[in-house]
Protein backbone atom coordinates (compact mmCIF):
# COMPACT_ATOMS: atom_id res chain seq x y z
CA MET A 1 -4.08 28.18 46.21
CA LYS A 2 -1.82 30.42 44.15
CA ARG A 3 0.50 27.50 43.48
CA LYS A 4 -2.41 25.40 42.23
CA ILE A 5 -3.55 28.19 39.90
CA PHE A 6 0.01 28.67 38.65
CA LEU A 7 0.39 24.91 38.09
CA ILE A 8 -2.90 24.79 36.18
CA ILE A 9 -1.77 27.68 33.96
CA ILE A 10 1.57 25.96 33.22
CA LEU A 11 -0.11 22.64 32.39
CA SER A 12 -2.69 24.37 30.20
CA SER A 13 0.05 26.24 28.34
CA CYS A 14 2.01 23.03 27.76
CA THR A 15 -1.13 21.31 26.52
CA LEU A 16 -1.84 24.14 24.09
CA VAL A 17 1.75 24.04 22.82
CA VAL A 18 1.64 20.28 22.31
CA CYS A 19 -1.76 20.47 20.61
CA GLY A 20 -0.51 23.32 18.46
CA GLN A 21 2.48 21.23 17.41
CA ARG A 22 0.30 18.24 16.66
CA LEU A 23 -1.88 20.38 14.40
CA GLN A 24 1.20 21.22 12.38
CA ASP A 25 3.12 19.07 9.94
CA SER A 26 6.28 17.64 11.48
CA ILE A 27 9.51 16.70 9.72
CA PHE A 28 12.14 14.70 11.62
CA LEU A 29 15.66 14.88 10.21
CA LYS A 30 18.32 12.18 10.26
CA ASN A 31 20.57 14.39 12.39
CA GLY A 32 18.05 14.22 15.23
CA SER A 33 16.45 17.65 14.84
CA PHE A 34 12.87 18.35 13.78
CA ILE A 35 10.80 21.16 12.28
CA PHE A 36 7.12 22.03 12.78
CA GLY A 37 5.12 23.98 10.25
CA ARG A 38 2.93 23.59 7.16
CA LEU A 39 4.08 21.39 4.31
CA ILE A 40 3.53 23.46 1.16
CA GLU A 41 4.67 21.02 -1.52
CA ILE A 42 6.95 18.12 -2.39
CA LYS A 43 8.81 18.78 -5.61
CA GLU A 44 11.97 17.34 -7.14
CA ASN A 45 12.54 15.25 -3.99
CA LYS A 46 12.54 18.37 -1.82
CA TYR A 47 10.11 19.27 0.96
CA ASN A 48 9.01 22.90 1.26
CA LEU A 49 7.88 23.63 4.82
CA LYS A 50 6.67 26.98 6.12
CA THR A 51 6.88 27.57 9.89
CA SER A 52 4.49 29.61 12.03
CA ASP A 53 6.86 32.63 11.98
CA GLY A 54 6.84 32.70 8.17
CA SER A 55 10.23 31.07 7.62
CA LEU A 56 10.49 28.77 4.59
CA PHE A 57 12.61 25.62 4.75
CA VAL A 58 13.56 23.61 1.65
CA ILE A 59 14.68 20.18 2.85
CA PRO A 60 16.16 17.46 0.60
CA ALA A 61 14.36 14.12 0.91
CA ASP A 62 17.65 12.35 1.65
CA ASP A 63 17.97 14.33 4.90
CA ILE A 64 14.53 13.27 6.20
CA GLU A 65 14.06 10.33 8.54
CA ARG A 66 10.26 10.54 8.73
CA PHE A 67 7.39 13.00 8.70
CA VAL A 68 3.97 13.32 10.32
CA LEU A 69 1.22 15.28 8.60
CA SER A 70 -1.34 17.01 10.80
CA GLY A 71 -4.29 14.72 11.45
CA THR A 72 -2.48 11.64 10.15
CA LYS A 73 -0.50 8.83 11.65
CA TYR A 74 3.22 8.29 11.49
CA GLY A 75 4.56 7.90 8.01
CA LYS A 76 7.85 7.47 6.19
CA LYS A 77 9.02 10.10 3.76
CA THR A 78 7.24 9.90 0.45
CA GLY A 79 7.42 11.62 -2.89
CA ARG A 80 6.66 10.70 -6.44
CA PRO A 81 9.89 10.29 -8.40
CA GLU A 82 10.21 12.99 -11.06
CA GLY A 83 12.47 13.27 -14.07
CA LEU A 84 14.26 10.25 -15.49
CA GLY A 85 13.58 6.96 -13.73
CA PHE A 86 13.40 3.20 -14.10
CA SER A 87 10.31 0.99 -13.80
CA ILE A 88 9.58 -2.73 -13.73
CA GLN A 89 6.17 -4.20 -14.57
CA CYS A 90 4.80 -7.73 -14.29
CA SER A 91 1.58 -8.58 -16.12
CA ILE A 92 -0.88 -11.45 -16.14
CA LEU A 93 -2.88 -11.61 -19.37
CA THR A 94 -5.99 -13.71 -19.74
CA GLY A 95 -8.50 -13.88 -22.57
CA SER A 96 -9.10 -15.48 -25.95
CA MET A 97 -6.99 -16.32 -29.01
CA ASP A 98 -8.40 -16.51 -32.53
CA TYR A 99 -6.32 -18.78 -34.79
CA SER A 100 -6.89 -18.46 -38.54
CA GLY A 101 -5.15 -19.92 -41.59
CA GLU A 102 -5.75 -22.01 -44.66
CA SER A 103 -6.10 -25.80 -44.21
CA ILE A 104 -6.03 -25.63 -40.43
CA LEU A 105 -8.89 -26.32 -38.06
CA TYR A 106 -8.87 -24.80 -34.60
CA PRO A 107 -11.67 -23.49 -32.40
CA GLU A 108 -12.35 -19.90 -33.32
CA ASP A 109 -11.71 -18.76 -29.73
CA GLN A 110 -9.30 -20.51 -27.40
CA ARG A 111 -8.83 -19.46 -23.77
CA VAL A 112 -5.26 -18.43 -22.97
CA ASN A 113 -3.35 -17.32 -19.88
CA LEU A 114 -0.15 -15.42 -20.60
CA PHE A 115 2.61 -13.69 -18.65
CA SER A 116 5.05 -10.83 -19.21
CA ILE A 117 7.80 -8.94 -17.39
CA THR A 118 8.92 -5.62 -18.83
CA PRO A 119 11.46 -3.07 -17.55
CA LEU A 120 10.92 0.51 -18.71
CA ILE A 121 12.82 3.77 -18.87
CA THR A 122 10.40 6.45 -17.65
CA TYR A 123 10.44 10.22 -17.72
CA THR A 124 7.97 12.09 -15.50
CA PHE A 125 7.41 15.68 -16.57
CA ASN A 126 5.38 16.64 -13.52
CA ASP A 127 2.91 15.04 -11.14
CA PHE A 128 0.50 14.36 -14.00
CA ILE A 129 2.26 13.03 -17.11
CA SER A 130 4.75 10.17 -17.58
CA LEU A 131 6.20 8.75 -20.80
CA SER A 132 7.97 5.39 -20.96
CA ALA A 133 9.80 3.15 -23.42
CA GLY A 134 10.02 -0.54 -22.56
CA THR A 135 11.07 -3.99 -23.64
CA GLY A 136 11.41 -7.32 -21.84
CA LEU A 137 9.99 -10.79 -22.26
CA GLU A 138 6.42 -11.86 -23.00
CA PHE A 139 4.96 -15.31 -23.50
CA TYR A 140 2.30 -15.71 -26.15
CA ASP A 141 2.40 -19.03 -27.98
CA THR A 142 6.19 -18.70 -27.82
CA PRO A 143 8.59 -16.28 -26.03
CA VAL A 144 8.67 -12.87 -27.72
CA VAL A 145 10.40 -9.55 -27.11
CA PRO A 146 8.12 -6.50 -27.06
CA LEU A 147 9.24 -2.99 -27.90
CA PHE A 148 6.64 -0.42 -26.89
CA ALA A 149 5.89 3.11 -25.70
CA GLU A 150 3.53 3.90 -22.82
CA PHE A 151 2.03 7.06 -21.38
CA LYS A 152 0.23 7.71 -18.10
CA ILE A 153 -1.89 10.67 -17.04
CA ASN A 154 -2.73 11.16 -13.37
CA MET A 155 -6.31 12.29 -12.77
CA VAL A 156 -5.71 14.05 -9.44
CA ARG A 157 -2.79 15.10 -7.25
CA LYS A 158 -3.21 12.94 -4.15
CA ARG A 159 -1.40 10.24 -2.22
CA TYR A 160 -3.60 7.53 -3.75
CA THR A 161 -3.65 8.69 -7.35
CA PRO A 162 -5.90 7.19 -10.05
CA PHE A 163 -4.54 7.37 -13.59
CA CYS A 164 -5.28 6.30 -17.14
CA TYR A 165 -2.71 4.79 -19.48
CA GLY A 166 -2.16 3.71 -23.05
CA ARG A 167 0.54 1.69 -24.78
CA ALA A 168 1.43 0.50 -28.27
CA GLY A 169 4.36 -1.26 -29.91
CA GLY A 170 5.77 -4.21 -31.81
CA ILE A 171 6.36 -7.90 -31.04
CA PHE A 172 9.52 -9.73 -32.15
CA PHE A 173 10.05 -13.49 -31.97
CA LEU A 174 13.08 -14.99 -30.27
CA PHE A 175 12.97 -18.42 -31.90
CA GLN A 176 11.93 -19.91 -35.22
CA GLU A 177 9.87 -23.04 -34.59
CA ARG A 178 10.22 -25.98 -36.93
CA PHE A 179 7.31 -27.97 -38.31
CA GLY A 180 8.49 -30.82 -40.50
CA ASP A 181 11.60 -30.15 -42.57
CA HIS A 182 11.16 -26.39 -42.83
CA PRO A 183 11.06 -23.73 -40.09
CA ASN A 184 8.17 -21.35 -39.77
CA GLU A 185 8.94 -17.82 -40.89
CA TYR A 186 7.67 -15.57 -38.09
CA ASN A 187 6.73 -12.01 -38.90
CA PRO A 188 6.92 -9.18 -36.36
CA GLY A 189 3.57 -8.55 -34.73
CA TRP A 190 2.08 -5.60 -32.93
CA SER A 191 -0.05 -4.82 -29.89
CA TYR A 192 -1.83 -1.98 -28.14
CA GLY A 193 -3.73 -1.49 -24.92
CA ALA A 194 -5.33 1.00 -22.54
CA GLY A 195 -6.85 1.07 -19.09
CA LEU A 196 -6.96 2.55 -15.60
CA GLY A 197 -4.79 2.24 -12.52
CA LEU A 198 -3.92 3.45 -9.04
CA SER A 199 -0.50 4.57 -7.83
CA LEU A 200 0.93 5.08 -4.35
CA PRO A 201 4.33 6.56 -3.41
CA LEU A 202 6.18 4.77 -0.60
CA GLY A 203 9.63 5.95 0.31
CA ARG A 204 11.50 6.86 -2.85
CA ARG A 205 9.48 4.44 -5.00
CA GLU A 206 6.09 4.70 -6.61
CA TYR A 207 4.02 1.52 -6.76
CA HIS A 208 1.10 1.05 -9.09
CA LEU A 209 -1.63 -1.43 -9.98
CA GLN A 210 -3.32 -1.15 -13.36
CA PHE A 211 -5.85 -3.10 -15.37
CA GLY A 212 -7.19 -2.77 -18.88
CA TYR A 213 -7.50 -4.26 -22.36
CA ARG A 214 -4.62 -5.62 -24.47
CA TYR A 215 -4.77 -6.63 -28.13
CA ALA A 216 -1.94 -8.53 -29.83
CA ASN A 217 -1.45 -9.87 -33.32
CA THR A 218 1.17 -12.43 -34.43
CA SER A 219 1.63 -14.31 -37.70
CA TYR A 220 3.99 -16.72 -39.43
CA LEU A 221 4.47 -18.35 -42.82
CA HIS A 222 4.65 -22.13 -43.16
CA ARG A 223 5.67 -24.09 -46.24
CA GLU A 224 3.10 -26.76 -47.07
CA TYR A 225 3.52 -29.23 -49.84
CA ARG A 226 0.84 -29.68 -52.47
CA GLY A 227 1.11 -33.13 -54.08
CA THR A 228 4.79 -33.74 -54.77
CA PRO A 229 7.76 -32.28 -52.85
CA SER A 230 8.49 -30.00 -55.78
CA HIS A 231 5.13 -28.31 -55.38
CA TYR A 232 4.62 -26.32 -52.20
CA GLN A 233 2.79 -23.24 -51.04
CA MET A 234 3.52 -20.69 -48.32
CA ILE A 235 0.53 -20.44 -45.96
CA GLU A 236 0.13 -17.56 -43.50
CA TYR A 237 -1.25 -18.32 -40.05
CA VAL A 238 -2.51 -15.46 -37.93
CA LYS A 239 -3.16 -15.36 -34.18
CA GLU A 240 -5.16 -12.55 -32.62
CA PHE A 241 -5.30 -12.11 -28.85
CA ASP A 242 -8.02 -10.23 -26.94
CA LEU A 243 -6.79 -10.01 -23.36
CA PHE A 244 -7.56 -8.63 -19.93
CA ASP A 245 -4.33 -7.08 -18.64
CA LEU A 246 -3.58 -6.99 -14.89
CA THR A 247 -0.25 -5.31 -14.14
CA ILE A 248 1.69 -4.50 -10.98
CA GLY A 249 4.90 -2.49 -10.97
CA PHE A 250 7.03 0.16 -9.34
CA LYS A 251 9.18 3.11 -10.34
CA PHE A 252 12.32 4.39 -8.68
């Protein structure tokens, strides 16, 4: 009888210990050891964990194999990259184009589907504000090179983080198209946009999906003859794009 009581006490104690460990955050290191406690914060790719005896551990993210938060399932180490980083964005743009110019007849609004891929240099000041400068390749009526600045503001500090963004910049043409004997003279254009998005850190990268409005304006000059070849006039043609912008990207 005494042995049964003793065995029950031992099993109960083990159960309480295991349950107590499961209610704590767990960090498993690459060297095979592990630490139980309460995860205070993740900052500058370092995990601050406080154990039950009050000890504070600051663990670099590179030393962590995986972690388990209390009440959650297994997960890989995560953390939003801070400081200077690099991002890549791919966008699908769909909407309307308004084509205007003297002596040319086009529908006022044409449906267009465009594409862009833009790498960015990003600096994250904290968990809330990011500033970026980007370029790349975009396809309007012809391939163009954008040069723009973008900012993002996170609305909350959570794993799935909603944010708002805004961007503005210029558009520069790669090629000069020819029409007849004279090439068109393309002028630099400009664009701006704003919208909402959702970001999620996985591993040492931060992935995001964003959607919003994009406006773009391009123009070019074309030499048109009036009567004889010695009489010509430069006509400006303007294209205005009103677009829905769907973008996916990641930062590392």
